[in-house]
């Protein structure tokens, strides 16, 4: 039976599956950010209108929308198409992608799939010093919004992001602690690490 067939769904987190075997720890985190459904819809509409405008322009027909004509159409419309495709790409990545982290005593492999995206890498076990959680603050409609990243610190003090931004601190804690426990890494404080009440920190044994 393969590792993939043995993946367990962690009851506390709907976006995480994992398998902890004798020779390898596998964690899968599903990005699935529902807010990107709105961006996907906007991207589809924007791309459709832009393509229709470009076709009308090539045929010498009136454009279906008002367009700033201070820039040449041969430049403006293809630019809009590129922006639309990029918006669709970002939306699909955040809706469909997953990060698979495979850890053994030799190395750590990180894969982002199925849509090609940055983040794939292989890290030798003997170069891993520490893992920690970094909190990222941003503003949304005048309110502070917090995301979390699990970051790997190498022995050369290089910081490597292991995960996409996580909405829930408990997701980040679970990933950090499972990897640390599997590799036998003691949890030491790192500059820039997200801190909370230490009595709440280790729930998963």
N, C-alpha and C. Protein backbone atom coordinates (compact mmCIF):
# COMPACT_ATOMS: atom_id res chain seq x y z
N UNK A 1 0.85 -1.20 0.00
CA UNK A 1 0.00 0.00 0.00
C UNK A 1 0.88 1.24 0.00
N UNK A 2 0.61 2.19 -0.84
CA UNK A 2 1.47 3.36 -0.97
C UNK A 2 1.18 4.38 0.12
N UNK A 3 2.12 5.31 0.27
CA UNK A 3 1.94 6.38 1.27
C UNK A 3 0.69 7.18 0.97
N UNK A 4 0.47 7.47 -0.32
CA UNK A 4 -0.68 8.30 -0.67
C UNK A 4 -1.98 7.63 -0.25
N UNK A 5 -2.03 6.29 -0.29
CA UNK A 5 -3.25 5.59 0.11
C UNK A 5 -3.43 5.61 1.61
N UNK A 6 -2.35 5.87 2.34
CA UNK A 6 -2.41 5.85 3.80
C UNK A 6 -2.54 7.23 4.42
N UNK A 7 -2.70 8.26 3.60
CA UNK A 7 -2.79 9.61 4.15
C UNK A 7 -3.97 9.73 5.10
N UNK A 8 -3.74 10.37 6.22
CA UNK A 8 -4.77 10.57 7.23
C UNK A 8 -5.28 11.99 7.17
N UNK A 9 -6.56 12.14 7.35
CA UNK A 9 -7.15 13.48 7.44
C UNK A 9 -7.13 13.90 8.89
N UNK A 10 -6.38 14.99 9.19
CA UNK A 10 -6.35 15.46 10.56
C UNK A 10 -7.72 16.04 10.91
N UNK A 11 -8.31 15.56 11.98
CA UNK A 11 -9.67 15.95 12.32
C UNK A 11 -9.80 17.43 12.63
N UNK A 12 -8.71 18.05 13.09
CA UNK A 12 -8.79 19.45 13.49
C UNK A 12 -8.70 20.41 12.31
N UNK A 13 -8.13 19.96 11.17
CA UNK A 13 -7.84 20.86 10.07
C UNK A 13 -8.33 20.27 8.75
N UNK A 14 -9.28 20.92 8.12
CA UNK A 14 -9.86 20.40 6.89
C UNK A 14 -8.90 20.49 5.72
N UNK A 15 -7.87 21.33 5.81
CA UNK A 15 -6.97 21.54 4.68
C UNK A 15 -5.67 20.74 4.77
N UNK A 16 -5.53 19.87 5.77
CA UNK A 16 -4.28 19.15 5.96
C UNK A 16 -4.51 17.64 5.99
N UNK A 17 -3.66 16.92 5.27
CA UNK A 17 -3.57 15.47 5.38
C UNK A 17 -2.12 15.11 5.66
N UNK A 18 -1.90 14.00 6.34
CA UNK A 18 -0.52 13.63 6.64
C UNK A 18 -0.39 12.12 6.82
N UNK A 19 0.82 11.65 6.65
CA UNK A 19 1.14 10.26 6.94
C UNK A 19 2.50 10.24 7.61
N UNK A 20 2.58 9.62 8.77
CA UNK A 20 3.85 9.52 9.48
C UNK A 20 4.25 8.05 9.55
N UNK A 21 5.24 7.70 8.73
CA UNK A 21 5.72 6.33 8.69
C UNK A 21 7.09 6.21 9.32
N UNK A 22 7.66 5.01 9.25
CA UNK A 22 8.96 4.75 9.85
C UNK A 22 10.06 5.51 9.13
N UNK A 23 9.92 5.63 7.80
CA UNK A 23 11.00 6.21 7.01
C UNK A 23 10.67 7.57 6.41
N UNK A 24 9.43 8.01 6.51
CA UNK A 24 9.08 9.29 5.89
C UNK A 24 7.82 9.89 6.50
N UNK A 25 7.85 11.21 6.65
CA UNK A 25 6.67 11.99 7.05
C UNK A 25 6.19 12.75 5.82
N UNK A 26 4.91 12.62 5.51
CA UNK A 26 4.32 13.33 4.38
C UNK A 26 3.18 14.21 4.87
N UNK A 27 3.25 15.49 4.55
CA UNK A 27 2.19 16.44 4.90
C UNK A 27 1.72 17.11 3.62
N UNK A 28 0.41 17.14 3.43
CA UNK A 28 -0.18 17.83 2.28
C UNK A 28 -1.08 18.93 2.80
N UNK A 29 -0.81 20.13 2.33
CA UNK A 29 -1.65 21.28 2.70
C UNK A 29 -2.36 21.78 1.45
N UNK A 30 -3.70 21.81 1.47
CA UNK A 30 -4.50 22.30 0.35
C UNK A 30 -4.73 23.79 0.51
N UNK A 31 -4.29 24.58 -0.49
CA UNK A 31 -4.40 26.03 -0.38
C UNK A 31 -5.86 26.46 -0.25
N UNK A 32 -6.66 26.18 -1.22
CA UNK A 32 -8.10 26.41 -1.24
C UNK A 32 -8.53 27.68 -0.51
N UNK A 33 -8.28 28.85 -1.12
CA UNK A 33 -8.68 30.14 -0.56
C UNK A 33 -9.95 30.60 -1.26
N UNK A 34 -11.13 30.45 -0.64
CA UNK A 34 -12.40 30.75 -1.31
C UNK A 34 -12.52 32.16 -1.86
N UNK A 35 -11.80 33.13 -1.26
CA UNK A 35 -11.90 34.51 -1.75
C UNK A 35 -11.49 34.61 -3.21
N UNK A 36 -10.67 33.66 -3.67
CA UNK A 36 -10.19 33.73 -5.06
C UNK A 36 -11.25 33.29 -6.07
N UNK A 37 -12.40 32.77 -5.61
CA UNK A 37 -13.50 32.54 -6.54
C UNK A 37 -13.95 33.87 -7.15
N UNK A 38 -13.95 34.92 -6.34
CA UNK A 38 -14.33 36.24 -6.84
C UNK A 38 -13.33 36.74 -7.86
N UNK A 39 -12.03 36.55 -7.58
CA UNK A 39 -11.00 36.97 -8.53
C UNK A 39 -11.07 36.15 -9.82
N UNK A 40 -11.40 34.87 -9.68
CA UNK A 40 -11.55 34.02 -10.86
C UNK A 40 -12.69 34.51 -11.74
N UNK A 41 -13.81 34.84 -11.12
CA UNK A 41 -14.97 35.35 -11.87
C UNK A 41 -14.62 36.67 -12.56
N UNK A 42 -13.96 37.58 -11.83
CA UNK A 42 -13.57 38.85 -12.43
C UNK A 42 -12.59 38.64 -13.58
N UNK A 43 -11.67 37.69 -13.42
CA UNK A 43 -10.70 37.42 -14.48
C UNK A 43 -11.35 36.91 -15.74
N UNK A 44 -12.35 36.01 -15.57
CA UNK A 44 -13.06 35.47 -16.73
C UNK A 44 -13.81 36.58 -17.46
N UNK A 45 -14.53 37.42 -16.71
CA UNK A 45 -15.28 38.52 -17.32
C UNK A 45 -14.33 39.50 -18.01
N UNK A 46 -13.27 39.86 -17.33
CA UNK A 46 -12.31 40.83 -17.87
C UNK A 46 -11.65 40.29 -19.13
N UNK A 47 -11.29 39.01 -19.12
CA UNK A 47 -10.66 38.40 -20.30
C UNK A 47 -11.64 38.34 -21.46
N UNK A 48 -12.89 37.96 -21.18
CA UNK A 48 -13.89 37.88 -22.25
C UNK A 48 -14.13 39.22 -22.92
N UNK A 49 -14.30 40.26 -22.11
CA UNK A 49 -14.55 41.60 -22.66
C UNK A 49 -13.33 42.10 -23.43
N UNK A 50 -12.14 41.83 -22.91
CA UNK A 50 -10.92 42.30 -23.58
C UNK A 50 -10.69 41.59 -24.90
N UNK A 51 -10.92 40.27 -24.93
CA UNK A 51 -10.77 39.52 -26.19
C UNK A 51 -11.78 40.01 -27.22
N UNK A 52 -13.03 40.24 -26.79
CA UNK A 52 -14.05 40.75 -27.71
C UNK A 52 -13.65 42.12 -28.25
N UNK A 53 -13.10 42.97 -27.40
CA UNK A 53 -12.65 44.29 -27.82
C UNK A 53 -11.50 44.18 -28.82
N UNK A 54 -10.59 43.25 -28.56
CA UNK A 54 -9.44 43.07 -29.45
C UNK A 54 -9.89 42.58 -30.83
N UNK A 55 -10.86 41.64 -30.85
CA UNK A 55 -11.37 41.14 -32.12
C UNK A 55 -12.07 42.25 -32.90
N UNK A 56 -12.89 43.04 -32.21
CA UNK A 56 -13.55 44.18 -32.87
C UNK A 56 -12.54 45.18 -33.41
N UNK A 57 -11.49 45.41 -32.64
CA UNK A 57 -10.45 46.35 -33.08
C UNK A 57 -9.78 45.87 -34.36
N UNK A 58 -9.47 44.57 -34.43
CA UNK A 58 -8.83 44.02 -35.62
C UNK A 58 -9.75 44.08 -36.83
N UNK A 59 -11.06 44.00 -36.59
CA UNK A 59 -12.04 44.02 -37.69
C UNK A 59 -12.53 45.43 -38.01
N UNK A 60 -12.02 46.43 -37.27
CA UNK A 60 -12.43 47.80 -37.51
C UNK A 60 -13.82 48.11 -37.00
N UNK A 61 -14.33 47.33 -36.08
CA UNK A 61 -15.67 47.54 -35.51
C UNK A 61 -15.56 48.34 -34.22
N UNK A 62 -16.69 48.95 -33.78
CA UNK A 62 -16.67 49.70 -32.51
C UNK A 62 -16.34 48.77 -31.34
N UNK A 63 -15.64 49.29 -30.37
CA UNK A 63 -15.30 48.50 -29.20
C UNK A 63 -16.52 48.37 -28.28
N UNK A 64 -16.70 47.20 -27.64
CA UNK A 64 -17.86 47.01 -26.75
C UNK A 64 -17.78 47.82 -25.45
N UNK A 65 -16.61 48.35 -25.15
CA UNK A 65 -16.45 49.15 -23.94
C UNK A 65 -15.65 50.40 -24.27
N UNK A 66 -15.80 51.42 -23.42
CA UNK A 66 -15.00 52.63 -23.58
C UNK A 66 -13.57 52.34 -23.12
N UNK A 67 -12.61 52.67 -23.98
CA UNK A 67 -11.21 52.43 -23.68
C UNK A 67 -10.44 53.73 -23.80
N UNK A 68 -9.53 53.97 -22.86
CA UNK A 68 -8.68 55.16 -22.92
C UNK A 68 -7.83 55.10 -24.17
N UNK A 69 -8.06 55.99 -25.10
CA UNK A 69 -7.37 55.96 -26.39
C UNK A 69 -6.08 56.77 -26.37
N UNK A 70 -5.63 57.20 -25.19
CA UNK A 70 -4.36 57.92 -25.12
C UNK A 70 -3.19 56.99 -25.38
N UNK A 71 -3.43 55.67 -25.27
CA UNK A 71 -2.43 54.67 -25.61
C UNK A 71 -2.89 53.92 -26.85
N UNK A 72 -1.97 53.48 -27.70
CA UNK A 72 -2.37 52.75 -28.92
C UNK A 72 -3.06 51.43 -28.58
N UNK A 73 -4.11 51.09 -29.35
CA UNK A 73 -4.88 49.88 -29.10
C UNK A 73 -4.03 48.62 -29.24
N UNK A 74 -3.08 48.63 -30.18
CA UNK A 74 -2.25 47.44 -30.39
C UNK A 74 -1.40 47.13 -29.16
N UNK A 75 -1.22 48.12 -28.29
CA UNK A 75 -0.48 47.93 -27.04
C UNK A 75 -1.42 47.68 -25.88
N UNK A 76 -2.50 48.46 -25.81
CA UNK A 76 -3.38 48.44 -24.64
C UNK A 76 -4.16 47.13 -24.53
N UNK A 77 -4.75 46.66 -25.61
CA UNK A 77 -5.59 45.46 -25.54
C UNK A 77 -4.78 44.19 -25.24
N UNK A 78 -3.64 43.95 -25.91
CA UNK A 78 -2.84 42.78 -25.50
C UNK A 78 -2.38 42.84 -24.05
N UNK A 79 -2.09 44.06 -23.58
CA UNK A 79 -1.69 44.22 -22.18
C UNK A 79 -2.82 43.79 -21.25
N UNK A 80 -4.06 44.17 -21.59
CA UNK A 80 -5.21 43.77 -20.79
C UNK A 80 -5.41 42.26 -20.81
N UNK A 81 -5.14 41.64 -21.95
CA UNK A 81 -5.26 40.19 -22.05
C UNK A 81 -4.24 39.50 -21.14
N UNK A 82 -3.00 40.01 -21.13
CA UNK A 82 -1.95 39.45 -20.28
C UNK A 82 -2.34 39.58 -18.80
N UNK A 83 -2.86 40.75 -18.42
CA UNK A 83 -3.28 40.96 -17.03
C UNK A 83 -4.41 40.00 -16.66
N UNK A 84 -5.36 39.80 -17.58
CA UNK A 84 -6.49 38.89 -17.32
C UNK A 84 -6.01 37.47 -17.12
N UNK A 85 -5.09 37.02 -17.98
CA UNK A 85 -4.56 35.65 -17.87
C UNK A 85 -3.81 35.48 -16.54
N UNK A 86 -3.05 36.50 -16.16
CA UNK A 86 -2.32 36.43 -14.89
C UNK A 86 -3.28 36.34 -13.71
N UNK A 87 -4.37 37.11 -13.76
CA UNK A 87 -5.38 37.07 -12.70
C UNK A 87 -6.01 35.68 -12.61
N UNK A 88 -6.29 35.07 -13.77
CA UNK A 88 -6.85 33.72 -13.78
C UNK A 88 -5.84 32.72 -13.21
N UNK A 89 -4.58 32.88 -13.58
CA UNK A 89 -3.52 31.98 -13.09
C UNK A 89 -3.40 32.04 -11.57
N UNK A 90 -3.34 33.27 -11.02
CA UNK A 90 -3.23 33.44 -9.58
C UNK A 90 -4.44 32.85 -8.87
N UNK A 91 -5.63 33.06 -9.44
CA UNK A 91 -6.85 32.54 -8.84
C UNK A 91 -6.86 31.01 -8.81
N UNK A 92 -6.51 30.39 -9.94
CA UNK A 92 -6.50 28.93 -10.01
C UNK A 92 -5.45 28.33 -9.08
N UNK A 93 -4.28 28.98 -8.98
CA UNK A 93 -3.25 28.51 -8.06
C UNK A 93 -3.78 28.47 -6.63
N UNK A 94 -4.43 29.53 -6.20
CA UNK A 94 -4.91 29.64 -4.83
C UNK A 94 -6.14 28.79 -4.54
N UNK A 95 -6.82 28.34 -5.59
CA UNK A 95 -7.99 27.48 -5.41
C UNK A 95 -7.65 26.00 -5.53
N UNK A 96 -6.72 25.64 -6.43
CA UNK A 96 -6.49 24.24 -6.76
C UNK A 96 -5.17 23.68 -6.25
N UNK A 97 -4.20 24.53 -5.99
CA UNK A 97 -2.87 24.02 -5.64
C UNK A 97 -2.80 23.44 -4.24
N UNK A 98 -1.81 22.61 -4.06
CA UNK A 98 -1.51 22.03 -2.75
C UNK A 98 0.01 21.96 -2.60
N UNK A 99 0.46 22.00 -1.38
CA UNK A 99 1.88 21.87 -1.08
C UNK A 99 2.10 20.52 -0.40
N UNK A 100 2.98 19.72 -0.98
CA UNK A 100 3.34 18.42 -0.39
C UNK A 100 4.74 18.51 0.18
N UNK A 101 4.86 18.22 1.47
CA UNK A 101 6.16 18.23 2.15
C UNK A 101 6.49 16.79 2.54
N UNK A 102 7.58 16.28 2.01
CA UNK A 102 8.03 14.92 2.32
C UNK A 102 9.35 15.01 3.07
N UNK A 103 9.37 14.45 4.29
CA UNK A 103 10.53 14.56 5.15
C UNK A 103 11.04 13.17 5.51
N UNK A 104 12.34 12.97 5.34
CA UNK A 104 12.99 11.76 5.83
C UNK A 104 14.31 12.15 6.47
N UNK A 105 15.09 11.17 6.89
CA UNK A 105 16.33 11.48 7.58
C UNK A 105 17.44 11.95 6.65
N UNK A 106 17.17 11.94 5.33
CA UNK A 106 18.16 12.38 4.35
C UNK A 106 17.90 13.79 3.87
N UNK A 107 16.64 14.10 3.56
CA UNK A 107 16.32 15.43 3.04
C UNK A 107 14.84 15.75 3.19
N UNK A 108 14.48 16.96 2.80
CA UNK A 108 13.10 17.42 2.78
C UNK A 108 12.77 17.84 1.35
N UNK A 109 11.69 17.30 0.80
CA UNK A 109 11.25 17.65 -0.54
C UNK A 109 9.94 18.41 -0.47
N UNK A 110 9.89 19.55 -1.16
CA UNK A 110 8.68 20.38 -1.17
C UNK A 110 8.21 20.49 -2.61
N UNK A 111 6.95 20.12 -2.84
CA UNK A 111 6.37 20.20 -4.19
C UNK A 111 5.08 21.00 -4.14
N UNK A 112 4.94 21.93 -5.07
CA UNK A 112 3.70 22.70 -5.24
C UNK A 112 3.07 22.23 -6.54
N UNK A 113 1.84 21.77 -6.48
CA UNK A 113 1.18 21.19 -7.66
C UNK A 113 -0.33 21.26 -7.45
N UNK A 114 -1.16 21.03 -8.47
CA UNK A 114 -0.84 20.60 -9.83
C UNK A 114 -0.45 21.73 -10.79
N UNK A 115 -0.81 22.98 -10.46
CA UNK A 115 -0.50 24.10 -11.35
C UNK A 115 0.93 24.56 -11.06
N UNK A 116 1.79 24.63 -12.07
CA UNK A 116 3.19 25.04 -11.84
C UNK A 116 3.27 26.37 -11.10
N UNK A 117 4.11 26.41 -10.09
CA UNK A 117 4.23 27.60 -9.25
C UNK A 117 5.57 27.54 -8.52
N UNK A 118 6.07 28.69 -8.09
CA UNK A 118 7.33 28.69 -7.37
C UNK A 118 7.15 28.00 -6.01
N UNK A 119 8.23 27.44 -5.50
CA UNK A 119 8.19 26.81 -4.19
C UNK A 119 8.75 25.40 -4.17
N UNK A 120 8.95 24.77 -5.34
CA UNK A 120 9.52 23.42 -5.36
C UNK A 120 11.00 23.47 -4.98
N UNK A 121 11.39 22.61 -4.08
CA UNK A 121 12.80 22.58 -3.67
C UNK A 121 13.11 21.31 -2.90
N UNK A 122 14.41 21.01 -2.80
CA UNK A 122 14.90 19.90 -2.01
C UNK A 122 15.94 20.44 -1.03
N UNK A 123 15.80 20.10 0.26
CA UNK A 123 16.66 20.65 1.30
C UNK A 123 17.33 19.48 2.04
N UNK A 124 18.65 19.40 2.05
CA UNK A 124 19.34 18.33 2.78
C UNK A 124 19.02 18.40 4.27
N UNK A 125 18.85 17.24 4.91
CA UNK A 125 18.51 17.19 6.33
C UNK A 125 19.59 17.87 7.18
N UNK A 126 20.86 17.68 6.83
CA UNK A 126 21.93 18.21 7.67
C UNK A 126 22.09 19.72 7.55
N UNK A 127 21.29 20.36 6.68
CA UNK A 127 21.35 21.82 6.57
C UNK A 127 20.21 22.50 7.33
N UNK A 128 19.32 21.70 7.92
CA UNK A 128 18.15 22.24 8.62
C UNK A 128 18.50 22.54 10.08
N UNK A 129 18.33 23.79 10.48
CA UNK A 129 18.63 24.20 11.86
C UNK A 129 17.39 24.30 12.72
N UNK A 130 16.33 24.95 12.18
CA UNK A 130 15.15 25.25 12.98
C UNK A 130 13.96 25.53 12.06
N UNK A 131 12.75 25.35 12.59
CA UNK A 131 11.53 25.78 11.92
C UNK A 131 10.82 26.78 12.84
N UNK A 132 10.15 27.75 12.24
CA UNK A 132 9.40 28.70 13.05
C UNK A 132 8.26 29.28 12.22
N UNK A 133 7.38 29.98 12.91
CA UNK A 133 6.20 30.57 12.27
C UNK A 133 6.36 32.09 12.22
N UNK A 134 6.09 32.64 11.06
CA UNK A 134 6.16 34.09 10.87
C UNK A 134 4.76 34.62 10.58
N UNK A 135 4.37 35.67 11.28
CA UNK A 135 3.06 36.28 11.08
C UNK A 135 3.17 37.43 10.08
N UNK A 136 2.26 37.44 9.10
CA UNK A 136 2.23 38.49 8.08
C UNK A 136 0.96 39.30 8.27
N UNK A 137 1.10 40.60 8.46
CA UNK A 137 -0.05 41.47 8.67
C UNK A 137 -0.35 42.26 7.41
N UNK A 138 -1.62 42.32 7.04
CA UNK A 138 -2.06 43.13 5.90
C UNK A 138 -3.39 43.78 6.26
N UNK A 139 -3.82 44.71 5.45
CA UNK A 139 -5.07 45.43 5.73
C UNK A 139 -6.13 45.02 4.72
N UNK A 140 -7.37 44.84 5.20
CA UNK A 140 -8.51 44.52 4.33
C UNK A 140 -9.71 45.29 4.85
N UNK A 141 -10.21 46.20 4.03
CA UNK A 141 -11.36 47.04 4.39
C UNK A 141 -11.14 47.75 5.74
N UNK A 142 -9.94 48.24 5.92
CA UNK A 142 -9.63 49.00 7.12
C UNK A 142 -9.34 48.18 8.35
N UNK A 143 -9.29 46.85 8.21
CA UNK A 143 -9.03 45.98 9.36
C UNK A 143 -7.75 45.19 9.12
N UNK A 144 -7.07 44.88 10.21
CA UNK A 144 -5.85 44.07 10.13
C UNK A 144 -6.21 42.61 9.87
N UNK A 145 -5.53 42.01 8.92
CA UNK A 145 -5.72 40.60 8.58
C UNK A 145 -4.37 39.89 8.76
N UNK A 146 -4.38 38.72 9.37
CA UNK A 146 -3.13 38.03 9.66
C UNK A 146 -3.06 36.69 8.92
N UNK A 147 -1.93 36.46 8.29
CA UNK A 147 -1.61 35.17 7.69
C UNK A 147 -0.33 34.65 8.35
N UNK A 148 -0.08 33.34 8.14
CA UNK A 148 1.06 32.73 8.81
C UNK A 148 1.86 31.88 7.81
N UNK A 149 3.16 31.92 7.95
CA UNK A 149 4.05 31.14 7.12
C UNK A 149 4.93 30.26 7.99
N UNK A 150 5.11 29.01 7.56
CA UNK A 150 6.08 28.14 8.22
C UNK A 150 7.40 28.31 7.49
N UNK A 151 8.42 28.72 8.23
CA UNK A 151 9.71 29.04 7.62
C UNK A 151 10.79 28.12 8.18
N UNK A 152 11.64 27.64 7.29
CA UNK A 152 12.76 26.80 7.67
C UNK A 152 14.02 27.66 7.72
N UNK A 153 14.77 27.52 8.79
CA UNK A 153 16.03 28.23 8.95
C UNK A 153 17.17 27.23 8.77
N UNK A 154 18.08 27.51 7.83
CA UNK A 154 19.20 26.60 7.59
C UNK A 154 20.34 26.90 8.55
N UNK A 155 21.35 26.05 8.55
CA UNK A 155 22.51 26.26 9.42
C UNK A 155 23.29 27.50 9.00
N UNK A 156 23.07 27.96 7.76
CA UNK A 156 23.70 29.19 7.28
C UNK A 156 22.79 30.40 7.48
N UNK A 157 21.70 30.19 8.22
CA UNK A 157 20.73 31.24 8.57
C UNK A 157 20.00 31.79 7.33
N UNK A 158 19.82 30.94 6.34
CA UNK A 158 18.98 31.26 5.20
C UNK A 158 17.55 30.87 5.55
N UNK A 159 16.59 31.74 5.24
CA UNK A 159 15.19 31.48 5.55
C UNK A 159 14.46 31.01 4.30
N UNK A 160 13.77 29.88 4.40
CA UNK A 160 13.07 29.29 3.27
C UNK A 160 11.61 29.09 3.64
N UNK A 161 10.70 29.65 2.87
CA UNK A 161 9.27 29.46 3.12
C UNK A 161 8.87 28.04 2.74
N UNK A 162 8.27 27.32 3.68
CA UNK A 162 7.80 25.96 3.40
C UNK A 162 6.37 25.95 2.92
N UNK A 163 5.60 26.97 3.27
CA UNK A 163 4.17 26.95 2.96
C UNK A 163 3.74 28.27 2.31
N UNK A 164 2.63 28.17 1.60
CA UNK A 164 1.87 29.33 1.18
C UNK A 164 1.33 30.00 2.45
N UNK A 165 0.84 31.21 2.35
CA UNK A 165 0.28 31.88 3.52
C UNK A 165 -0.91 31.09 4.06
N UNK A 166 -0.88 30.82 5.36
CA UNK A 166 -1.93 30.06 6.02
C UNK A 166 -2.83 31.01 6.79
N UNK A 167 -4.13 30.80 6.71
CA UNK A 167 -5.07 31.68 7.38
C UNK A 167 -5.19 31.39 8.88
N UNK A 168 -4.94 30.14 9.26
CA UNK A 168 -5.15 29.72 10.64
C UNK A 168 -3.81 29.40 11.30
N UNK A 169 -3.53 30.01 12.43
CA UNK A 169 -2.29 29.76 13.14
C UNK A 169 -2.15 28.29 13.51
N UNK A 170 -3.25 27.61 13.78
CA UNK A 170 -3.18 26.19 14.17
C UNK A 170 -2.68 25.32 13.02
N UNK A 171 -3.02 25.68 11.78
CA UNK A 171 -2.48 24.95 10.62
C UNK A 171 -0.95 25.06 10.61
N UNK A 172 -0.46 26.29 10.80
CA UNK A 172 0.98 26.53 10.78
C UNK A 172 1.66 25.79 11.93
N UNK A 173 1.06 25.83 13.11
CA UNK A 173 1.63 25.15 14.27
C UNK A 173 1.71 23.64 14.05
N UNK A 174 0.67 23.08 13.48
CA UNK A 174 0.64 21.63 13.26
C UNK A 174 1.78 21.22 12.32
N UNK A 175 1.94 21.95 11.21
CA UNK A 175 2.99 21.62 10.24
C UNK A 175 4.37 21.77 10.88
N UNK A 176 4.58 22.89 11.57
CA UNK A 176 5.87 23.14 12.21
C UNK A 176 6.21 22.04 13.21
N UNK A 177 5.26 21.71 14.07
CA UNK A 177 5.53 20.79 15.16
C UNK A 177 5.70 19.35 14.68
N UNK A 178 4.91 18.94 13.68
CA UNK A 178 5.04 17.59 13.15
C UNK A 178 6.43 17.38 12.55
N UNK A 179 6.93 18.37 11.80
CA UNK A 179 8.25 18.24 11.18
C UNK A 179 9.34 18.25 12.25
N UNK A 180 9.23 19.16 13.22
CA UNK A 180 10.23 19.24 14.29
C UNK A 180 10.28 17.93 15.08
N UNK A 181 9.13 17.39 15.41
CA UNK A 181 9.09 16.16 16.19
C UNK A 181 9.66 14.99 15.40
N UNK A 182 9.35 14.93 14.10
CA UNK A 182 9.83 13.83 13.28
C UNK A 182 11.35 13.86 13.14
N UNK A 183 11.92 15.07 13.01
CA UNK A 183 13.36 15.21 12.83
C UNK A 183 14.11 15.36 14.16
N UNK A 184 13.37 15.46 15.27
CA UNK A 184 14.01 15.59 16.56
C UNK A 184 14.65 16.95 16.77
N UNK A 185 14.02 17.99 16.25
CA UNK A 185 14.53 19.35 16.39
C UNK A 185 13.85 20.01 17.58
N UNK A 186 14.64 20.54 18.50
CA UNK A 186 14.07 21.27 19.63
C UNK A 186 13.55 22.62 19.17
N UNK A 187 12.41 23.02 19.72
CA UNK A 187 11.79 24.27 19.30
C UNK A 187 12.40 25.44 20.05
N UNK A 188 13.31 26.16 19.39
CA UNK A 188 13.94 27.33 19.99
C UNK A 188 13.39 28.59 19.33
N UNK A 189 13.35 29.68 20.08
CA UNK A 189 12.87 30.94 19.55
C UNK A 189 13.85 31.49 18.51
N UNK A 190 13.27 32.08 17.46
CA UNK A 190 14.04 32.67 16.37
C UNK A 190 13.57 34.11 16.22
N UNK A 191 14.50 35.01 15.89
CA UNK A 191 14.13 36.41 15.67
C UNK A 191 13.07 36.52 14.58
N UNK A 192 11.97 37.22 14.88
CA UNK A 192 10.88 37.38 13.93
C UNK A 192 9.82 36.30 14.02
N UNK A 193 9.98 35.36 14.97
CA UNK A 193 9.01 34.28 15.13
C UNK A 193 7.74 34.78 15.80
N UNK A 194 6.60 34.24 15.33
CA UNK A 194 5.33 34.54 15.98
C UNK A 194 5.33 33.93 17.37
N UNK A 195 4.99 34.70 18.37
CA UNK A 195 5.00 34.22 19.76
C UNK A 195 3.58 34.21 20.31
N UNK A 196 3.33 33.22 21.14
CA UNK A 196 2.06 33.17 21.87
C UNK A 196 2.31 32.50 23.20
N UNK A 197 1.26 32.35 24.00
CA UNK A 197 1.39 31.71 25.31
C UNK A 197 1.98 30.31 25.16
N UNK A 198 3.12 30.07 25.75
CA UNK A 198 3.81 28.79 25.58
C UNK A 198 2.98 27.61 26.07
N UNK A 199 2.04 27.85 26.98
CA UNK A 199 1.22 26.75 27.50
C UNK A 199 0.24 26.26 26.47
N UNK A 200 0.01 27.04 25.39
CA UNK A 200 -0.93 26.65 24.35
C UNK A 200 -0.23 26.07 23.13
N UNK A 201 1.11 25.93 23.16
CA UNK A 201 1.81 25.74 21.94
C UNK A 201 1.82 24.31 21.39
N UNK A 202 1.92 23.29 22.24
CA UNK A 202 2.03 21.94 21.70
C UNK A 202 0.80 21.11 22.06
N UNK A 203 -0.07 20.93 21.05
CA UNK A 203 -1.31 20.20 21.31
C UNK A 203 -1.28 18.78 20.74
N UNK A 204 -0.31 18.47 19.86
CA UNK A 204 -0.48 17.28 19.03
C UNK A 204 0.41 16.12 19.37
N UNK A 205 1.34 16.29 20.30
CA UNK A 205 2.15 15.17 20.74
C UNK A 205 2.97 14.50 19.67
